[in-house]
Protein backbone atom coordinates (compact mmCIF):
# COMPACT_ATOMS: atom_id res chain seq x y z
CA UNK A 1 24.26 -34.67 54.67
CA UNK A 2 23.39 -35.90 58.93
CA UNK A 3 19.36 -36.22 58.45
CA UNK A 4 19.11 -38.92 55.47
CA UNK A 5 17.32 -41.07 57.34
CA UNK A 6 14.96 -39.13 58.52
CA UNK A 7 14.46 -38.13 54.72
CA UNK A 8 13.66 -41.53 54.23
CA UNK A 9 11.56 -42.60 57.05
CA UNK A 10 9.49 -39.53 56.93
CA UNK A 11 9.09 -40.76 53.32
CA UNK A 12 8.19 -44.44 54.84
CA UNK A 13 5.51 -42.77 56.81
CA UNK A 14 3.44 -41.94 53.78
CA UNK A 15 3.89 -45.26 52.02
CA UNK A 16 1.01 -47.41 52.93
CA UNK A 17 0.98 -50.88 53.88
CA UNK A 18 1.81 -53.49 50.97
CA UNK A 19 2.91 -50.49 48.72
CA UNK A 20 6.45 -50.52 46.96
CA UNK A 21 7.80 -46.99 45.86
CA UNK A 22 9.91 -47.36 43.07
CA UNK A 23 12.35 -44.24 42.47
CA UNK A 24 14.56 -43.34 39.53
CA UNK A 25 15.00 -39.49 39.57
CA UNK A 26 18.45 -38.67 40.09
CA UNK A 27 17.55 -35.64 41.88
CA UNK A 28 15.12 -37.59 44.07
CA UNK A 29 17.70 -40.76 44.96
CA UNK A 30 20.68 -37.95 46.06
CA UNK A 31 17.75 -36.61 48.03
CA UNK A 32 17.14 -39.13 49.97
CA UNK A 33 20.49 -41.59 49.85
CA UNK A 34 23.09 -38.95 48.88
CA UNK A 35 24.09 -40.77 45.75
CA UNK A 36 25.32 -38.43 43.07
CA UNK A 37 24.65 -39.66 39.60
CA UNK A 38 27.43 -39.14 37.10
CA UNK A 39 25.59 -38.04 34.45
CA UNK A 40 21.65 -37.38 35.36
CA UNK A 41 20.41 -37.93 31.24
CA UNK A 42 21.74 -41.77 32.05
CA UNK A 43 20.09 -44.45 34.24
CA UNK A 44 22.50 -44.93 37.00
CA UNK A 45 20.82 -45.61 40.45
CA UNK A 46 16.65 -46.70 42.00
CA UNK A 47 15.66 -46.07 45.25
CA UNK A 48 13.28 -48.91 46.18
CA UNK A 49 11.25 -48.36 49.05
CA UNK A 50 8.12 -49.80 50.76
CA UNK A 51 7.18 -49.50 54.69
CA UNK A 52 9.53 -51.67 56.04
CA UNK A 53 12.30 -51.60 53.92
CA UNK A 54 14.69 -49.20 51.52
CA UNK A 55 16.93 -50.56 49.00
CA UNK A 56 19.72 -48.16 46.74
CA UNK A 57 20.66 -50.01 43.51
CA UNK A 58 23.70 -48.90 42.41
CA UNK A 59 26.58 -49.10 39.68
CA UNK A 60 29.57 -51.26 41.15
CA UNK A 61 31.94 -48.83 39.93
CA UNK A 62 30.59 -45.31 41.34
CA UNK A 63 31.34 -44.20 44.43
CA UNK A 64 28.55 -44.45 47.44
CA UNK A 65 28.77 -44.08 51.66
CA UNK A 66 26.66 -46.59 52.94
CA UNK A 67 23.62 -45.77 55.66
CA UNK A 68 22.69 -47.77 57.96
CA UNK A 69 18.95 -48.47 57.67
CA UNK A 70 19.26 -48.94 54.16
CA UNK A 71 20.37 -51.61 51.87
CA UNK A 72 22.26 -51.57 48.67
CA UNK A 73 22.65 -53.50 45.66
CA UNK A 74 25.77 -53.18 43.06
CA UNK A 75 23.54 -53.55 39.71
CA UNK A 76 20.95 -50.97 38.15
CA UNK A 77 19.57 -53.15 34.98
CA UNK A 78 16.16 -53.45 34.34
CA UNK A 79 17.29 -57.14 35.50
CA UNK A 80 18.49 -56.02 38.54
CA UNK A 81 15.51 -53.73 39.54
CA UNK A 82 12.74 -56.87 38.59
CA UNK A 83 14.97 -59.12 41.08
CA UNK A 84 15.06 -56.74 43.70
CA UNK A 85 11.54 -55.69 43.98
CA UNK A 86 10.57 -58.89 43.53
CA UNK A 87 12.17 -60.32 46.80
CA UNK A 88 10.65 -56.97 48.76
CA UNK A 89 7.20 -57.68 47.37
CA UNK A 90 7.76 -61.61 48.34
CA UNK A 91 9.05 -61.07 51.76
CA UNK A 92 6.85 -58.23 52.64
CA UNK A 93 3.39 -59.25 50.92
CA UNK A 94 3.48 -56.25 48.24
CA UNK A 95 0.57 -55.88 46.18
CA UNK A 96 1.11 -52.01 44.57
CA UNK A 97 4.29 -51.10 42.95
CA UNK A 98 4.06 -47.55 42.13
CA UNK A 99 6.23 -45.79 39.73
CA UNK A 100 6.55 -42.63 38.08
CA UNK A 101 5.67 -43.87 34.16
CA UNK A 102 7.14 -40.68 33.26
CA UNK A 103 11.16 -41.55 34.54
CA UNK A 104 11.47 -45.12 33.53
CA UNK A 105 12.39 -46.24 30.29
CA UNK A 106 10.17 -48.85 28.88
CA UNK A 107 12.37 -51.98 29.54
CA UNK A 108 12.31 -50.81 32.98
CA UNK A 109 8.43 -50.43 32.73
CA UNK A 110 8.12 -53.85 31.21
CA UNK A 111 10.50 -55.58 33.47
CA UNK A 112 8.75 -54.14 37.11
CA UNK A 113 4.78 -55.45 34.69
CA UNK A 114 6.44 -59.40 35.00
CA UNK A 115 6.03 -58.64 39.07
CA UNK A 116 3.45 -60.56 41.02
CA UNK A 117 1.76 -57.41 41.72
CA UNK A 118 -0.15 -54.14 40.70
CA UNK A 119 1.59 -51.90 38.81
CA UNK A 120 0.29 -47.91 39.94
CA UNK A 121 0.92 -44.05 39.80
CA UNK A 122 2.78 -42.76 41.98
CA UNK A 123 1.77 -39.20 43.06
CA UNK A 124 4.99 -37.67 42.79
CA UNK A 125 3.97 -34.22 44.52
CA UNK A 126 4.30 -36.71 47.80
CA UNK A 127 8.05 -36.44 47.20
CA UNK A 128 7.99 -32.75 45.91
CA UNK A 129 6.07 -31.72 49.03
CA UNK A 130 8.80 -33.72 51.52
CA UNK A 131 11.41 -31.44 49.41
CA UNK A 132 10.16 -28.59 49.64
CA UNK A 133 10.89 -28.33 53.15
CA UNK A 134 14.26 -27.51 53.33
CA UNK A 135 16.61 -28.75 56.57
CA UNK A 136 18.65 -26.10 58.80
CA UNK A 137 21.64 -27.81 57.05
CA UNK A 138 19.78 -27.34 53.09
CA UNK A 139 19.05 -24.19 53.98
CA UNK A 140 22.95 -23.49 55.18
CA UNK A 141 24.04 -24.83 51.36
CA UNK A 142 21.12 -22.54 49.68
CA UNK A 143 22.76 -19.98 51.41
CA UNK A 144 25.84 -20.51 50.22
CA UNK A 145 24.77 -21.24 46.80
CA UNK A 146 23.43 -17.57 46.91
CA UNK A 147 26.35 -16.13 48.60
CA UNK A 148 28.16 -17.49 45.82
CA UNK A 149 25.69 -16.39 42.97
CA UNK A 150 25.58 -12.53 44.40
CA UNK A 151 29.79 -12.68 44.31
CA UNK A 152 29.81 -14.07 40.78
CA UNK A 153 26.85 -11.27 39.36
CA UNK A 154 28.47 -8.25 41.17
CA UNK A 155 32.10 -9.20 39.82
CA UNK A 156 30.28 -10.18 36.01
CA UNK A 157 28.79 -6.43 36.25
CA UNK A 158 32.41 -4.83 36.85
CA UNK A 159 33.91 -6.59 33.69
CA UNK A 160 31.21 -5.58 31.83
CA UNK A 161 32.75 -3.46 28.51
CA UNK A 162 32.12 -2.06 24.96
CA UNK A 163 32.36 -4.99 23.02
CA UNK A 164 32.47 -8.24 24.70
CA UNK A 165 30.28 -10.70 23.40
CA UNK A 166 27.19 -12.63 25.11
CA UNK A 167 29.19 -15.56 24.58
CA UNK A 168 32.43 -14.20 26.27
CA UNK A 169 31.01 -13.04 29.32
CA UNK A 170 29.03 -16.57 29.62
CA UNK A 171 32.68 -17.97 29.64
CA UNK A 172 33.60 -15.34 32.49
CA UNK A 173 30.62 -16.64 35.15
CA UNK A 174 31.85 -20.23 34.55
CA UNK A 175 35.84 -19.38 34.96
CA UNK A 176 34.09 -16.71 38.24
CA UNK A 177 31.99 -19.21 39.71
CA UNK A 178 35.15 -22.25 39.96
CA UNK A 179 37.15 -19.34 41.22
CA UNK A 180 34.98 -18.75 44.54
CA UNK A 181 34.37 -22.08 45.08
CA UNK A 182 31.38 -23.33 42.98
CA UNK A 183 30.68 -26.24 41.69
CA UNK A 184 29.01 -25.74 38.34
CA UNK A 185 26.68 -23.42 36.96
CA UNK A 186 23.43 -23.90 38.22
CA UNK A 187 21.68 -23.67 34.93
CA UNK A 188 23.34 -22.45 31.31
CA UNK A 189 23.93 -18.92 32.29
CA UNK A 190 21.21 -15.84 30.43
CA UNK A 191 23.49 -13.65 29.28
CA UNK A 192 21.45 -10.72 27.53
CA UNK A 193 22.18 -7.77 25.79
CA UNK A 194 19.95 -5.06 24.03
CA UNK A 195 16.53 -6.47 22.29
CA UNK A 196 17.68 -10.40 24.00
CA UNK A 197 16.87 -8.74 27.38
CA UNK A 198 12.84 -9.09 26.10
CA UNK A 199 13.36 -13.30 25.47
CA UNK A 200 13.33 -14.28 29.31
CA UNK A 201 15.44 -17.77 28.96
CA UNK A 202 17.83 -16.54 26.08
CA UNK A 203 20.67 -18.18 24.84
CA UNK A 204 23.58 -16.27 24.84
CA UNK A 205 24.90 -15.46 21.15
CA UNK A 206 27.61 -13.85 20.11
CA UNK A 207 26.57 -10.44 20.08
CA UNK A 208 28.32 -7.54 21.31
CA UNK A 209 27.68 -4.86 23.88
CA UNK A 210 27.49 -1.15 23.17
CA UNK A 211 26.81 1.96 25.22
CA UNK A 212 23.57 2.63 26.15
CA UNK A 213 21.68 -0.64 26.18
CA UNK A 214 20.07 -2.74 28.71
CA UNK A 215 21.83 -5.87 29.65
CA UNK A 216 19.83 -8.85 32.10
CA UNK A 217 22.01 -11.29 33.55
CA UNK A 218 20.55 -14.49 35.06
CA UNK A 219 23.05 -16.96 36.18
CA UNK A 220 23.20 -19.68 39.60
CA UNK A 221 26.20 -21.08 41.19
CA UNK A 222 25.44 -24.90 42.01
CA UNK A 223 27.37 -25.56 46.16
CA UNK A 224 27.40 -29.34 47.00
CA UNK A 225 24.57 -29.95 44.95
CA UNK A 226 22.33 -26.86 45.91
CA UNK A 227 21.52 -24.27 43.40
CA UNK A 228 21.56 -20.57 43.43
CA UNK A 229 19.83 -18.10 41.67
CA UNK A 230 19.51 -14.76 40.71
CA UNK A 231 18.62 -11.86 38.04
CA UNK A 232 19.66 -8.87 37.38
CA UNK A 233 18.90 -5.90 34.44
CA UNK A 234 20.98 -3.04 34.29
CA UNK A 235 21.76 0.08 31.63
CA UNK A 236 25.22 -0.07 30.39
CA UNK A 237 25.78 3.67 30.30
CA UNK A 238 24.78 6.48 31.53
CA UNK A 239 21.93 7.61 29.40
CA UNK A 240 19.10 5.06 30.15
CA UNK A 241 15.87 5.82 28.84
CA UNK A 242 13.24 6.84 31.00
CA UNK A 243 10.89 4.26 30.12
CA UNK A 244 13.39 1.77 31.81
CA UNK A 245 13.80 4.11 34.95
CA UNK A 246 10.08 3.78 34.81
CA UNK A 247 9.89 0.07 34.86
CA UNK A 248 12.88 -0.49 37.15
CA UNK A 249 10.88 0.98 39.84
CA UNK A 250 7.86 -0.60 38.80
CA UNK A 251 9.46 -4.54 38.67
CA UNK A 252 11.42 -3.78 42.08
CA UNK A 253 8.14 -2.51 43.42
CA UNK A 254 6.22 -5.61 42.46
CA UNK A 255 9.13 -7.75 43.73
CA UNK A 256 8.86 -6.08 47.43
CA UNK A 257 4.95 -6.65 47.60
CA UNK A 258 5.66 -10.24 46.49
CA UNK A 259 8.45 -10.63 49.64
CA UNK A 260 5.76 -8.94 51.87
CA UNK A 261 3.52 -11.82 50.91
CA UNK A 262 5.70 -14.49 51.61
CA UNK A 263 4.33 -13.94 55.08
CA UNK A 264 0.54 -15.51 54.02
CA UNK A 265 1.50 -18.73 53.72
CA UNK A 266 -0.01 -19.38 49.86
CA UNK A 267 2.07 -19.32 47.29
CA UNK A 268 -0.17 -18.45 44.90
CA UNK A 269 -0.15 -15.50 46.61
CA UNK A 270 2.88 -13.76 46.17
CA UNK A 271 2.83 -13.75 42.48
CA UNK A 272 -1.10 -12.36 43.19
CA UNK A 273 0.93 -9.42 44.83
CA UNK A 274 3.97 -8.78 42.03
CA UNK A 275 1.31 -9.64 39.10
CA UNK A 276 -1.93 -7.05 40.65
CA UNK A 277 0.90 -4.15 40.43
CA UNK A 278 2.31 -4.90 37.24
CA UNK A 279 -1.40 -5.14 35.86
CA UNK A 280 -2.57 -1.78 37.73
CA UNK A 281 0.72 0.11 36.12
CA UNK A 282 -1.10 -1.00 32.64
CA UNK A 283 2.14 -3.76 32.17
CA UNK A 284 0.11 -6.81 32.88
CA UNK A 285 0.14 -8.18 29.27
CA UNK A 286 4.20 -7.75 29.87
CA UNK A 287 4.77 -9.80 32.28
CA UNK A 288 5.02 -13.29 30.71
CA UNK A 289 6.07 -15.78 33.48
CA UNK A 290 4.99 -16.97 36.67
CA UNK A 291 6.60 -14.75 40.29
CA UNK A 292 8.68 -17.55 40.92
CA UNK A 293 9.50 -21.50 41.79
CA UNK A 294 11.15 -23.23 44.35
CA UNK A 295 14.98 -24.26 44.32
CA UNK A 296 17.14 -26.92 45.98
CA UNK A 297 18.93 -29.97 44.64
CA UNK A 298 17.52 -28.85 41.47
CA UNK A 299 16.64 -24.74 39.68
CA UNK A 300 13.21 -25.66 39.58
CA UNK A 301 11.44 -27.13 42.14
CA UNK A 302 8.19 -26.84 43.60
CA UNK A 303 6.40 -24.99 45.04
CA UNK A 304 5.50 -22.62 41.60
CA UNK A 305 4.64 -19.24 42.13
CA UNK A 306 1.56 -18.75 40.15
CA UNK A 307 -1.98 -17.33 41.26
CA UNK A 308 -3.84 -19.78 38.37
CA UNK A 309 -2.03 -22.53 40.65
CA UNK A 310 -2.70 -22.56 44.31
CA UNK A 311 -0.43 -24.24 46.60
CA UNK A 312 0.81 -24.11 50.45
CA UNK A 313 4.33 -21.68 50.74
CA UNK A 314 5.45 -23.82 53.84
CA UNK A 315 7.73 -22.52 56.19
CA UNK A 316 12.04 -23.75 55.82
CA UNK A 317 11.10 -23.68 51.90
CA UNK A 318 13.28 -21.98 49.58
CA UNK A 319 11.86 -19.98 46.30
CA UNK A 320 12.93 -17.72 43.98
CA UNK A 321 10.84 -14.13 43.71
CA UNK A 322 12.03 -12.89 39.91
CA UNK A 323 8.89 -10.62 38.49
CA UNK A 324 9.48 -8.87 35.11
CA UNK A 325 8.14 -6.83 32.61
CA UNK A 326 9.30 -7.27 28.51
CA UNK A 327 9.01 -5.77 25.19
CA UNK A 328 9.09 -8.03 22.19
CA UNK A 329 11.93 -7.35 19.99
CA UNK A 330 13.11 -4.33 22.03
CA UNK A 331 14.33 -5.05 25.71
CA UNK A 332 13.44 -6.34 28.86
CA UNK A 333 13.73 -6.03 32.43
CA UNK A 334 13.97 -8.55 35.71
CA UNK A 335 14.82 -8.72 38.94
CA UNK A 336 15.59 -11.74 41.10
CA UNK A 337 16.46 -12.98 44.32
CA UNK A 338 16.15 -16.13 46.37
CA UNK A 339 14.43 -16.13 49.30
CA UNK A 340 13.98 -18.94 52.41
CA UNK A 341 10.19 -18.54 54.32
CA UNK A 342 10.30 -18.05 57.83
CA UNK A 343 7.76 -17.86 60.37
CA UNK A 344 7.43 -13.54 59.69
CA UNK A 345 8.08 -14.06 56.46
CA UNK A 346 10.64 -13.92 53.49
CA UNK A 347 14.08 -13.39 53.81
CA UNK A 348 16.82 -13.18 51.06
CA UNK A 349 19.57 -14.76 50.15
CA UNK A 350 21.16 -13.37 47.26
CA UNK A 351 20.06 -9.21 47.48
């Protein structure tokens, strides 16, 4: 990443003199330093940032590309964190150490509590707002992730056959995405046949595909750390229900309304555009999730597209638009693309 130092600098401009920020979330650390944690479920690094300095704490047995303007400390135990923070606090007369308590282990919190400074709560939206605006390089990577996702989606639908199970299709997705050049799945694939399509986050089972049933597939390919996300719902067979065709048309119209609303610069208005169309058709109670979310190094990022959560939709943000209608224990329909926010509106990355 060619703009890593610029990212760190933008963060430092937000930090007040006398403040120290401790970053522990793996995706945030990667965003600022390009350090990739081998297992995001375990602690492998910290990024400690003040107005004047930035230090990455990392395991000595992990590869790291050292960058100018960032210091490096081989060690990431609570004692290492305490010693590095103590040094910065003394050298720069730090008064407040800002932490995201939800991302720290108890021993790490206790180690920081022993320092000669006040502990404060880090406003995570500070980092979210920085990450929401994608650089040109990030948009290129997300575009590639979206293209790969669309290619996998097309091939998976082409290969559907009577008798194949949801789990077998899941394996096909995982094989295809690697064959086409993806790193991994951006999230566990949602492969839903029949009534399972009524569950937005259905987990694949051994259910086998039969003729004349809906198939909902929600997949994403990760490329160089960046996530793709796309959903399609199709009728498997030649005799789709009339109601399926009607809901298909409605959801796609709601999608277009939301896409048009992207030019307004407000995330909540995008949701409202889709929600009002589905509500006016009499199916509002069956639209059971938000219209979309930000996407980047993580599959779910800010902003959230929901009318009850007003938020800015900045130019160069990458979001999903994914309206859906679901009939419990019967079937559901969702349509989703990735969209980059531009001055003139939204541009699709996965259509």
